[in-house]
Amino acid sequence: MRFGIKTIDELKVAGRTILLRVDINLPIDHQSGALKDITRIRAILPTIRELSTGNAKTVILAHQGGDLDYDNLSSLKPHSQVLNEYLNGAAQFVEDICGPTALEAIKRLKPGGILLLENLRYLAEEQTGFERTLRLTPLEQAHTLLVRKLTPLADYFINDAFGTCHRDQPSLCGFPELLPTAMGRLFEKEFCVLSQLTQSPDRPCLFILGGVKVGDSLAVIERLLENNIADRILTGGQLAKFLARATGKKPDNDFPPKGSALRPLWERALDIFKRFGDKVVIPVDFAYVQGGQRVEAARGEIPPNVRTTDIGYQTVKQYSSLIDSAKTVVVNGIMGDFTEPYSMTGTRLVWESLCRTNAFTVLGGGQAISAATKFGQLECFSYISTGGLALILFLTGEELPVIRSLRRGSQLNSKKSPEPFSSQHRRDYVSENLYFLGSKPDKNKS
């Protein structure tokens, strides 16, 4: 075991059916239907190849988009096409998750075979809204449709989806209750590299945060500063715009009044600034588009009724100076809309500073990685993580739901069933475990 979790080295995979959970959630070009970035797909290839060459029957489970990312909610068919470019056409794809078509495809899978099932987020139980509302216990997750249908056909569950560590959903935390469990090679690599970083980062340690999930970002900022992990936090994107409004130095329209859903976040932001002062750095200027041209103005001088789209050049200079003096830099988020010519400057120039620095640099998050790919800067970074929010939360020292689940599964099933289940054993085991949730075991089911 490593970090209390089994690895692939401890499994006898030859001839066995493996449920392999991966994270290949990627931005999609809605005009062409193509994937904008395939970094996460390349990252899981070592695990898939190892299982396939070891004559395992590999069933891949993955999600794309969701109820909080509806624009990217789509089929995994484009992902299967990219996988097959790397796997010489060896990966099958079925437009089903746990229905009759999927179950039959799993049963027909030959040793060495690879099967990708359809988007898990097409199941209501895998949606983020259900996760946050229902807050299922591990055994309740094991009782969901997905887990009940697939577990009897599987010998092992392997999680290689480090980027989903912060999620608490059946496809991630339900299977370890019922199947011998391990982490994949990517998960193992991420855990090793990032654990070293949390134990003793070289200082000054700088974090660069952006993105649109302001509530999550504020929680992360609090943990990073309270635990003395970050020396400074530089902000960009929607987070920076929100913080500028919250502190009364608005970059665009009036801040929401009392009664707004954003009011609690505003109060939380003020508390952060009161406690940590200048450790959270807000842009000193912003850019916006007017008359088809990029225009920049100081933070307190933005005209009313304009939408800021990027940080300004003075902020770039400030951020570059802080990056130059840092020894460790962790990046998760962008400075502005890097897809448009008039608003990509901030992200491109800050990323150029990251390429010049001698600091150990960690890049994570889909948008941040996509920007580095677009600007040809991906190779500049010391380490590319497949995690976004999962990366940052991991670095705060929090034990995330998936890690807790893998540790529990490694302990539970190493005691109950150190060897893969026989077919009858699997059916009995699932029935007995689910019985405690009120599902009467059916010993006569063949």
Protein backbone atom coordinates (compact mmCIF):
# COMPACT_ATOMS: atom_id res chain seq x y z
CA MET A 1 0.00 0.00 0.00
CA ARG A 2 0.92 3.65 -0.44
CA PHE A 3 -0.69 6.30 1.78
CA GLY A 4 -3.02 3.58 3.08
CA ILE A 5 -4.32 2.72 -0.41
CA LYS A 6 -3.64 -0.38 -2.50
CA THR A 7 -1.88 -0.03 -5.85
CA ILE A 8 -2.21 -2.05 -9.04
CA ASP A 9 0.87 -4.02 -7.99
CA GLU A 10 -1.23 -5.74 -5.33
CA LEU A 11 -3.94 -6.95 -7.74
CA LYS A 12 -4.00 -10.08 -9.91
CA VAL A 13 -5.57 -8.53 -12.99
CA ALA A 14 -5.11 -11.23 -15.65
CA GLY A 15 -8.50 -12.41 -16.85
CA ARG A 16 -10.29 -10.19 -14.32
CA THR A 17 -12.91 -7.54 -14.99
CA ILE A 18 -11.76 -4.12 -13.79
CA LEU A 19 -14.01 -1.11 -13.27
CA LEU A 20 -11.63 1.78 -13.96
CA ARG A 21 -12.90 5.23 -12.95
CA VAL A 22 -11.06 8.03 -14.77
CA ASP A 23 -11.40 11.79 -15.16
CA ILE A 24 -11.50 12.82 -18.80
CA ASN A 25 -13.91 15.74 -18.34
CA LEU A 26 -12.69 18.20 -20.97
CA PRO A 27 -13.73 21.47 -22.66
CA ILE A 28 -15.56 20.89 -25.94
CA ASP A 29 -15.69 22.96 -29.11
CA HIS A 30 -19.44 23.22 -29.62
CA GLN A 31 -19.18 23.97 -33.33
CA SER A 32 -17.08 20.96 -34.28
CA GLY A 33 -17.87 18.71 -31.32
CA ALA A 34 -14.13 18.09 -30.87
CA LEU A 35 -12.24 18.15 -27.60
CA LYS A 36 -10.26 21.35 -27.06
CA ASP A 37 -7.64 19.67 -24.89
CA ILE A 38 -6.71 15.99 -24.41
CA THR A 39 -4.17 16.29 -21.58
CA ARG A 40 -6.30 14.24 -19.20
CA ILE A 41 -6.77 11.47 -21.76
CA ARG A 42 -3.02 11.18 -22.31
CA ALA A 43 -2.52 11.08 -18.54
CA ILE A 44 -4.62 7.92 -18.03
CA LEU A 45 -3.04 5.95 -20.90
CA PRO A 46 -0.32 4.28 -18.75
CA THR A 47 -2.93 2.71 -16.47
CA ILE A 48 -5.11 1.54 -19.36
CA ARG A 49 -2.16 0.08 -21.24
CA GLU A 50 -0.83 -1.69 -18.16
CA LEU A 51 -4.19 -3.31 -17.49
CA SER A 52 -4.69 -4.28 -21.12
CA THR A 53 -1.23 -5.80 -21.56
CA GLY A 54 -1.82 -7.61 -18.27
CA ASN A 55 -4.86 -9.28 -19.89
CA ALA A 56 -7.42 -7.54 -17.72
CA LYS A 57 -10.90 -6.78 -19.03
CA THR A 58 -10.98 -3.01 -18.53
CA VAL A 59 -14.31 -1.20 -18.23
CA ILE A 60 -13.80 2.58 -18.17
CA LEU A 61 -16.20 4.83 -16.26
CA ALA A 62 -16.04 8.59 -16.83
CA HIS A 63 -18.11 11.77 -16.81
CA GLN A 64 -18.35 14.83 -19.04
CA GLY A 65 -19.94 18.11 -17.95
CA GLY A 66 -22.94 18.03 -15.65
CA ASP A 67 -25.68 20.08 -14.06
CA LEU A 68 -23.16 22.77 -13.04
CA ASP A 69 -21.35 22.58 -16.38
CA TYR A 70 -24.25 22.09 -18.73
CA ASP A 71 -22.48 23.56 -21.75
CA ASN A 72 -20.05 20.64 -21.69
CA LEU A 73 -22.61 17.92 -20.92
CA SER A 74 -22.29 15.58 -23.88
CA SER A 75 -21.55 12.06 -25.02
CA LEU A 76 -18.15 10.43 -24.49
CA LYS A 77 -18.01 9.36 -28.12
CA PRO A 78 -15.38 12.03 -29.01
CA HIS A 79 -13.29 10.79 -26.08
CA SER A 80 -13.47 7.23 -27.37
CA GLN A 81 -12.19 8.41 -30.75
CA VAL A 82 -9.18 10.11 -29.13
CA LEU A 83 -8.53 7.03 -26.97
CA ASN A 84 -8.47 4.86 -30.06
CA GLU A 85 -5.92 7.10 -31.73
CA TYR A 86 -3.55 6.17 -28.91
CA LEU A 87 -4.71 2.59 -28.38
CA ASN A 88 -4.76 1.51 -32.04
CA GLY A 89 -8.53 1.13 -32.11
CA ALA A 90 -8.65 -1.24 -29.14
CA ALA A 91 -11.25 0.71 -27.13
CA GLN A 92 -14.90 -0.14 -27.67
CA PHE A 93 -17.62 2.39 -26.87
CA VAL A 94 -21.26 1.80 -25.98
CA GLU A 95 -23.94 4.47 -25.62
CA ASP A 96 -25.12 2.97 -22.35
CA ILE A 97 -23.98 3.09 -18.73
CA CYS A 98 -25.55 0.30 -16.72
CA GLY A 99 -28.45 -0.85 -18.88
CA PRO A 100 -28.76 -4.10 -20.88
CA THR A 101 -26.44 -2.95 -23.70
CA ALA A 102 -23.65 -2.01 -21.29
CA LEU A 103 -24.03 -5.16 -19.20
CA GLU A 104 -23.92 -7.40 -22.28
CA ALA A 105 -20.85 -5.57 -23.62
CA ILE A 106 -19.06 -6.11 -20.30
CA LYS A 107 -19.89 -9.82 -20.32
CA ARG A 108 -18.53 -10.18 -23.88
CA LEU A 109 -15.27 -8.39 -23.10
CA LYS A 110 -12.18 -10.53 -23.73
CA PRO A 111 -8.91 -10.49 -21.74
CA GLY A 112 -6.95 -7.43 -22.83
CA GLY A 113 -10.15 -5.75 -24.01
CA ILE A 114 -11.09 -2.13 -23.27
CA LEU A 115 -14.63 -0.80 -23.03
CA LEU A 116 -15.68 2.83 -22.46
CA LEU A 117 -19.21 3.31 -21.13
CA GLU A 118 -21.33 6.41 -21.78
CA ASN A 119 -21.23 9.63 -19.75
CA LEU A 120 -21.93 8.93 -16.06
CA ARG A 121 -23.54 12.35 -15.67
CA TYR A 122 -26.48 11.11 -17.72
CA LEU A 123 -27.47 9.34 -14.48
CA ALA A 124 -29.31 11.59 -12.02
CA GLU A 125 -27.48 9.99 -9.08
CA GLU A 126 -24.17 11.20 -10.55
CA GLN A 127 -25.23 14.84 -10.83
CA THR A 128 -23.64 17.36 -8.49
CA GLY A 129 -27.04 18.60 -7.34
CA PHE A 130 -27.91 15.15 -6.03
CA GLU A 131 -24.54 14.88 -4.33
CA ARG A 132 -24.99 18.14 -2.43
CA THR A 133 -28.66 17.62 -1.62
CA LEU A 134 -28.76 13.95 -0.61
CA ARG A 135 -25.29 13.56 0.97
CA LEU A 136 -25.40 9.77 0.75
CA THR A 137 -23.40 7.59 3.12
CA PRO A 138 -20.93 5.13 1.54
CA LEU A 139 -23.36 2.23 1.91
CA GLU A 140 -26.19 4.30 0.46
CA GLN A 141 -23.96 5.07 -2.53
CA ALA A 142 -23.33 1.33 -2.86
CA HIS A 143 -27.10 0.88 -3.11
CA THR A 144 -27.47 3.16 -6.16
CA LEU A 145 -28.42 1.82 -9.57
CA LEU A 146 -24.96 2.17 -11.09
CA VAL A 147 -23.15 0.30 -8.33
CA ARG A 148 -25.78 -2.43 -7.96
CA LYS A 149 -25.78 -3.15 -11.70
CA LEU A 150 -22.03 -3.17 -12.36
CA THR A 151 -20.56 -4.66 -9.19
CA PRO A 152 -21.72 -8.28 -9.82
CA LEU A 153 -19.82 -8.25 -13.14
CA ALA A 154 -16.55 -6.91 -11.71
CA ASP A 155 -13.58 -8.28 -9.78
CA TYR A 156 -11.83 -5.04 -8.87
CA PHE A 157 -12.44 -1.30 -8.73
CA ILE A 158 -9.53 1.00 -9.62
CA ASN A 159 -9.77 4.76 -9.26
CA ASP A 160 -7.45 6.79 -11.50
CA ALA A 161 -9.57 9.96 -11.36
CA PHE A 162 -7.48 12.23 -9.14
CA GLY A 163 -9.22 15.29 -10.55
CA THR A 164 -12.49 14.18 -8.93
CA CYS A 165 -11.10 13.63 -5.40
CA HIS A 166 -13.33 16.36 -3.99
CA ARG A 167 -16.51 14.73 -5.29
CA ASP A 168 -18.64 12.32 -3.24
CA GLN A 169 -20.61 10.35 -5.82
CA PRO A 170 -21.51 6.66 -6.34
CA SER A 171 -19.08 6.05 -9.20
CA LEU A 172 -16.26 7.26 -6.95
CA CYS A 173 -17.22 6.25 -3.41
CA GLY A 174 -19.81 3.48 -3.84
CA PHE A 175 -17.76 0.71 -5.45
CA PRO A 176 -15.04 0.58 -2.73
CA GLU A 177 -17.71 -0.57 -0.29
CA LEU A 178 -18.22 -3.74 -2.32
CA LEU A 179 -15.14 -4.48 -4.41
CA PRO A 180 -11.41 -4.91 -3.75
CA THR A 181 -10.08 -1.44 -4.46
CA ALA A 182 -6.86 0.23 -5.61
CA MET A 183 -5.61 3.47 -7.13
CA GLY A 184 -4.34 3.71 -10.69
CA ARG A 185 -0.90 4.88 -11.82
CA LEU A 186 -1.94 8.49 -12.44
CA PHE A 187 -3.61 8.74 -9.04
CA GLU A 188 -0.52 7.25 -7.42
CA LYS A 189 1.78 9.70 -9.21
CA GLU A 190 -0.36 12.71 -8.27
CA PHE A 191 -0.50 11.60 -4.64
CA CYS A 192 3.28 11.17 -4.42
CA VAL A 193 4.26 14.46 -6.08
CA LEU A 194 1.68 16.61 -4.32
CA SER A 195 2.28 15.04 -0.91
CA GLN A 196 5.92 16.09 -1.12
CA LEU A 197 4.77 19.59 -2.00
CA THR A 198 2.44 19.86 1.00
CA GLN A 199 5.03 18.64 3.48
CA SER A 200 7.74 21.19 2.79
CA PRO A 201 7.20 23.63 -0.10
CA ASP A 202 10.10 25.92 -0.89
CA ARG A 203 9.23 29.49 0.10
CA PRO A 204 7.97 31.97 -0.81
CA CYS A 205 5.02 29.78 -1.87
CA LEU A 206 2.64 31.50 -4.24
CA PHE A 207 -0.84 30.42 -5.37
CA ILE A 208 -2.58 31.81 -8.46
CA LEU A 209 -6.36 31.31 -8.34
CA GLY A 210 -9.10 32.26 -10.79
CA GLY A 211 -12.19 30.60 -12.16
CA VAL A 212 -15.90 31.19 -11.67
CA LYS A 213 -16.67 29.16 -8.50
CA VAL A 214 -16.18 32.03 -6.08
CA GLY A 215 -17.55 30.20 -3.03
CA ASP A 216 -15.15 27.29 -3.49
CA SER A 217 -12.26 29.70 -4.08
CA LEU A 218 -12.95 31.64 -0.89
CA ALA A 219 -13.00 28.42 1.13
CA VAL A 220 -9.67 27.41 -0.38
CA ILE A 221 -8.13 30.83 0.30
CA GLU A 222 -9.12 30.57 3.95
CA ARG A 223 -7.58 27.10 4.35
CA LEU A 224 -4.36 28.01 2.53
CA LEU A 225 -3.79 31.08 4.69
CA GLU A 226 -5.02 29.66 7.99
CA ASN A 227 -2.71 26.66 7.59
CA ASN A 228 0.20 28.88 6.50
CA ILE A 229 0.59 26.96 3.24
CA ALA A 230 0.53 29.99 0.94
CA ASP A 231 2.58 33.15 1.47
CA ARG A 232 0.63 35.09 -1.16
CA ILE A 233 -2.45 34.38 -3.30
CA LEU A 234 -2.77 36.16 -6.65
CA THR A 235 -6.28 36.37 -8.09
CA GLY A 236 -7.69 36.52 -11.60
CA GLY A 237 -10.85 35.83 -13.55
CA GLN A 238 -14.26 36.03 -11.89
CA LEU A 239 -12.68 35.61 -8.45
CA ALA A 240 -10.65 38.80 -8.86
CA LYS A 241 -13.65 40.74 -10.13
CA PHE A 242 -15.75 39.59 -7.18
CA LEU A 243 -13.06 40.47 -4.63
CA ALA A 244 -12.61 43.90 -6.18
CA ARG A 245 -16.35 44.54 -5.81
CA ALA A 246 -16.45 43.10 -2.30
CA THR A 247 -13.74 45.47 -1.10
CA GLY A 248 -15.54 48.48 -2.55
CA LYS A 249 -13.15 48.97 -5.45
CA LYS A 250 -15.43 47.66 -8.13
CA PRO A 251 -14.16 46.85 -11.63
CA ASP A 252 -17.62 47.09 -13.23
CA ASN A 253 -21.28 47.21 -12.19
CA ASP A 254 -22.61 47.86 -8.68
CA PHE A 255 -22.16 45.06 -6.20
CA PRO A 256 -25.36 43.11 -5.42
CA PRO A 257 -27.43 44.73 -2.65
CA LYS A 258 -28.60 43.22 0.62
CA GLY A 259 -30.66 40.09 0.16
CA SER A 260 -28.61 38.92 -2.80
CA ALA A 261 -27.37 35.33 -2.81
CA LEU A 262 -23.85 36.74 -3.10
CA ARG A 263 -24.14 38.69 0.15
CA PRO A 264 -22.76 35.87 2.39
CA LEU A 265 -19.77 35.52 0.05
CA TRP A 266 -19.20 39.26 0.26
CA GLU A 267 -19.14 39.06 4.07
CA ARG A 268 -16.77 36.10 3.92
CA ALA A 269 -14.44 37.98 1.57
CA LEU A 270 -14.34 40.99 3.89
CA ASP A 271 -13.46 38.71 6.80
CA ILE A 272 -10.58 37.19 4.79
CA PHE A 273 -9.15 40.63 4.03
CA LYS A 274 -9.57 41.71 7.64
CA ARG A 275 -7.60 38.70 8.90
CA PHE A 276 -4.97 38.28 6.18
CA GLY A 277 -4.55 41.73 4.68
CA ASP A 278 -2.28 41.96 1.66
CA LYS A 279 -1.67 38.20 1.42
CA VAL A 280 -4.60 38.14 -1.04
CA VAL A 281 -3.61 40.22 -4.05
CA ILE A 282 -6.31 41.82 -6.23
CA PRO A 283 -5.53 43.29 -9.68
CA VAL A 284 -4.72 46.99 -9.64
CA ASP A 285 -6.20 47.44 -13.13
CA PHE A 286 -8.58 45.66 -15.47
CA ALA A 287 -9.17 45.48 -19.22
CA TYR A 288 -12.44 45.72 -21.13
CA VAL A 289 -13.44 45.94 -24.78
CA GLN A 290 -14.84 49.19 -26.13
CA GLY A 291 -15.40 49.95 -29.80
CA GLY A 292 -13.69 46.73 -30.78
CA GLN A 293 -10.51 47.71 -28.94
CA ARG A 294 -8.89 46.60 -25.68
CA VAL A 295 -8.98 49.38 -23.08
CA GLU A 296 -7.36 49.32 -19.64
CA ALA A 297 -8.19 51.34 -16.55
CA ALA A 298 -7.24 51.39 -12.88
CA ARG A 299 -9.39 49.32 -10.56
CA GLY A 300 -11.45 52.24 -9.25
CA GLU A 301 -11.82 53.99 -12.60
CA ILE A 302 -13.73 51.45 -14.68
CA PRO A 303 -16.67 53.12 -16.46
CA PRO A 304 -20.13 51.97 -15.37
CA ASN A 305 -21.97 49.33 -17.39
CA VAL A 306 -18.90 47.75 -18.98
CA ARG A 307 -17.81 44.15 -18.53
CA THR A 308 -14.18 43.59 -17.63
CA THR A 309 -12.63 40.62 -19.42
CA ASP A 310 -8.99 40.54 -18.28
CA ILE A 311 -6.43 41.95 -15.88
CA GLY A 312 -4.48 45.01 -16.97
CA TYR A 313 -0.79 45.44 -17.80
CA GLN A 314 0.11 47.03 -14.45
CA THR A 315 -1.26 43.95 -12.72
CA VAL A 316 0.76 41.73 -15.04
CA LYS A 317 3.93 43.59 -13.98
CA GLN A 318 3.03 43.24 -10.31
CA TYR A 319 2.24 39.52 -10.62
CA SER A 320 5.39 38.85 -12.68
CA SER A 321 7.54 40.46 -9.99
CA LEU A 322 6.01 38.26 -7.29
CA ILE A 323 6.46 35.16 -9.48
CA ASP A 324 10.12 36.01 -10.08
CA SER A 325 10.82 36.04 -6.34
CA ALA A 326 8.85 32.87 -5.54
CA LYS A 327 10.30 29.39 -5.00
CA THR A 328 7.02 27.48 -5.42
CA VAL A 329 4.02 28.51 -7.55
CA VAL A 330 0.73 26.62 -7.81
CA VAL A 331 -1.63 27.72 -10.59
CA ASN A 332 -5.33 26.94 -10.80
CA GLY A 333 -7.33 29.41 -12.81
CA ILE A 334 -6.92 32.02 -15.53
CA MET A 335 -6.57 35.80 -15.58
CA GLY A 336 -9.37 36.45 -18.09
CA ASP A 337 -11.08 35.13 -21.20
CA PHE A 338 -8.02 33.74 -22.99
CA THR A 339 -10.06 32.55 -25.99
CA GLU A 340 -10.60 36.08 -27.35
CA PRO A 341 -7.84 38.26 -28.86
CA TYR A 342 -8.67 41.36 -26.79
CA SER A 343 -8.77 39.51 -23.47
CA MET A 344 -6.01 36.89 -23.63
CA THR A 345 -3.09 39.21 -22.86
CA GLY A 346 -3.16 38.86 -19.08
CA THR A 347 -3.14 35.08 -19.02
CA ARG A 348 -0.52 34.84 -21.78
CA LEU A 349 1.90 37.27 -20.11
CA VAL A 350 1.52 35.80 -16.62
CA TRP A 351 2.09 32.33 -18.07
CA GLU A 352 5.22 33.67 -19.80
CA SER A 353 6.47 34.80 -16.38
CA LEU A 354 5.83 31.31 -15.07
CA CYS A 355 7.94 29.94 -17.92
CA ARG A 356 10.85 32.24 -16.99
CA THR A 357 10.87 31.61 -13.25
CA ASN A 358 13.25 29.19 -11.53
CA ALA A 359 10.49 28.24 -9.07
CA PHE A 360 8.87 24.80 -8.95
CA THR A 361 5.61 25.39 -10.82
CA VAL A 362 2.46 23.26 -10.63
CA LEU A 363 -0.33 23.80 -13.15
CA GLY A 364 -3.83 22.38 -12.65
CA GLY A 365 -7.41 22.92 -13.77
CA GLY A 366 -8.94 22.50 -17.22
CA GLN A 367 -8.96 26.17 -18.19
CA ALA A 368 -5.43 26.84 -16.96
CA ILE A 369 -4.08 23.82 -18.85
CA SER A 370 -6.04 24.77 -21.99
CA ALA A 371 -4.52 28.25 -21.89
CA ALA A 372 -0.98 26.88 -21.55
CA THR A 373 -1.68 24.52 -24.45
CA LYS A 374 -3.05 27.34 -26.59
CA PHE A 375 0.03 29.51 -25.99
CA GLY A 376 2.49 26.62 -26.46
CA GLN A 377 3.67 26.89 -22.84
CA LEU A 378 2.67 23.51 -21.42
CA GLU A 379 6.25 22.20 -21.35
CA CYS A 380 7.40 25.16 -19.24
CA PHE A 381 5.74 23.91 -16.07
CA SER A 382 7.50 21.65 -13.59
CA TYR A 383 4.41 19.50 -13.02
CA ILE A 384 1.00 19.29 -14.72
CA SER A 385 -1.77 18.04 -12.43
CA THR A 386 -5.06 16.66 -13.74
CA GLY A 387 -6.81 18.16 -10.72
CA GLY A 388 -8.41 21.58 -10.55
CA LEU A 389 -10.30 22.20 -7.33
CA ALA A 390 -9.19 18.72 -6.20
CA LEU A 391 -5.56 19.80 -6.55
CA ILE A 392 -6.00 22.91 -4.43
CA LEU A 393 -8.10 21.20 -1.76
CA PHE A 394 -5.55 18.38 -1.55
CA LEU A 395 -2.80 20.93 -0.96
CA THR A 396 -4.76 22.44 1.94
CA GLY A 397 -4.30 19.14 3.77
CA GLU A 398 -7.97 18.17 3.75
CA GLU A 399 -8.74 14.44 3.44
CA LEU A 400 -10.96 14.42 0.36
CA PRO A 401 -13.95 12.06 -0.03
CA VAL A 402 -12.40 9.87 -2.73
CA ILE A 403 -9.15 9.40 -0.80
CA ARG A 404 -11.11 8.53 2.31
CA SER A 405 -13.17 6.07 0.25
CA LEU A 406 -10.09 4.42 -1.30
CA ARG A 407 -8.47 4.00 2.10
CA ARG A 408 -11.66 2.51 3.50
CA GLY A 409 -12.06 0.21 0.49
CA SER A 410 -8.45 -0.94 0.65
CA GLN A 411 -8.90 -1.90 4.30
CA LEU A 412 -12.41 -3.33 4.07
CA ASN A 413 -11.89 -5.59 1.13
CA SER A 414 -8.33 -6.62 1.93
CA LYS A 415 -9.84 -8.27 5.01
CA LYS A 416 -13.04 -9.61 3.49
CA SER A 417 -11.76 -10.74 0.13
CA PRO A 418 -8.03 -10.55 -0.56
CA GLU A 419 -8.54 -12.52 -3.79
CA PRO A 420 -10.90 -11.55 -6.62
CA PHE A 421 -14.46 -12.72 -6.13
CA SER A 422 -15.83 -15.80 -7.83
CA SER A 423 -19.04 -15.10 -9.77
CA GLN A 424 -21.24 -16.57 -7.05
CA HIS A 425 -19.21 -14.92 -4.29
CA ARG A 426 -19.68 -11.53 -5.95
CA ARG A 427 -23.46 -11.93 -6.14
CA ASP A 428 -23.70 -13.12 -2.53
CA TYR A 429 -21.35 -10.42 -1.27
CA VAL A 430 -23.29 -7.61 -2.94
CA SER A 431 -26.61 -8.99 -1.67
CA GLU A 432 -25.36 -9.35 1.89
CA ASN A 433 -23.90 -5.86 2.01
CA LEU A 434 -26.92 -4.20 0.45
CA TYR A 435 -29.24 -6.11 2.77
CA PHE A 436 -28.35 -3.68 5.53
CA LEU A 437 -30.00 -0.96 3.47
CA GLY A 438 -33.24 -2.89 3.31
CA SER A 439 -32.58 -4.75 0.05
CA LYS A 440 -33.45 -8.37 0.70
CA PRO A 441 -30.73 -10.73 -0.61
CA ASP A 442 -31.75 -13.03 -3.42
CA LYS A 443 -29.71 -16.20 -3.08
CA ASN A 444 -31.51 -17.89 -5.95
CA LYS A 445 -30.54 -15.31 -8.56
CA SER A 446 -28.22 -16.83 -11.12
